[in-house]
Amino acid sequence: MKLRLILATCALVAAPTLGLAMGCSDHGDQASMSCAQGMVLDAATGTCVTQTTS
């Protein structure tokens, strides 16, 4: 009986820890990017380029 209680306690203590260790993996390749002032993001290349004015 004492062994079962110890094993149950260990399982309950370890469960949240293992859940946190998996992290948040459902974001995929999403990332936010910002460019410096005077630059804009070029969607085709995914890089910052100098903003041109018309």
Protein backbone atom coordinates (compact mmCIF):
# COMPACT_ATOMS: atom_id res chain seq x y z
CA MET A 1 0.00 0.00 0.00
CA LYS A 2 2.80 2.40 0.86
CA LEU A 3 4.55 1.69 -2.46
CA ARG A 4 1.38 2.49 -4.42
CA LEU A 5 1.01 5.78 -2.57
CA ILE A 6 4.62 6.74 -3.33
CA LEU A 7 4.27 5.83 -7.02
CA ALA A 8 1.00 7.75 -7.34
CA THR A 9 2.55 10.80 -5.69
CA CYS A 10 5.56 10.68 -8.02
CA ALA A 11 3.30 10.42 -11.06
CA LEU A 12 1.20 13.40 -9.95
CA VAL A 13 4.30 15.49 -9.28
CA ALA A 14 5.98 14.57 -12.59
CA ALA A 15 2.95 15.10 -14.87
CA PRO A 16 3.02 18.94 -14.95
CA THR A 17 6.79 18.95 -15.32
CA LEU A 18 6.65 16.68 -18.35
CA GLY A 19 3.88 18.80 -19.84
CA LEU A 20 5.98 21.96 -19.53
CA ALA A 21 9.03 20.23 -20.98
CA MET A 22 7.18 19.65 -24.26
CA GLY A 23 6.83 23.39 -24.74
CA CYS A 24 4.53 25.16 -27.11
CA SER A 25 5.01 23.55 -30.48
CA ASP A 26 1.85 24.51 -32.32
CA HIS A 27 3.15 27.77 -33.81
CA GLY A 28 4.92 26.17 -36.75
CA ASP A 29 7.06 28.55 -38.79
CA GLN A 30 5.24 31.69 -37.73
CA ALA A 31 7.53 34.50 -36.69
CA SER A 32 7.15 38.22 -36.38
CA MET A 33 9.69 40.48 -38.00
CA SER A 34 10.15 44.21 -37.92
CA CYS A 35 12.45 46.35 -40.00
CA ALA A 36 14.45 49.40 -39.03
CA GLN A 37 13.04 52.87 -39.63
CA GLY A 38 13.01 53.74 -43.34
CA MET A 39 12.96 50.09 -44.37
CA VAL A 40 10.12 47.75 -45.29
CA LEU A 41 9.77 44.00 -45.48
CA ASP A 42 10.05 42.57 -49.00
CA ALA A 43 7.54 39.72 -49.03
CA ALA A 44 9.22 37.98 -51.97
CA THR A 45 12.63 37.67 -50.32
CA GLY A 46 11.65 37.95 -46.65
CA THR A 47 14.29 40.60 -46.04
CA CYS A 48 14.26 44.29 -45.17
CA VAL A 49 14.86 46.68 -48.06
CA THR A 50 15.10 50.46 -48.24
CA GLN A 51 11.70 52.05 -48.62
CA THR A 52 11.31 53.84 -51.95
CA THR A 53 9.04 56.83 -52.37
CA SER A 54 7.07 57.52 -55.53
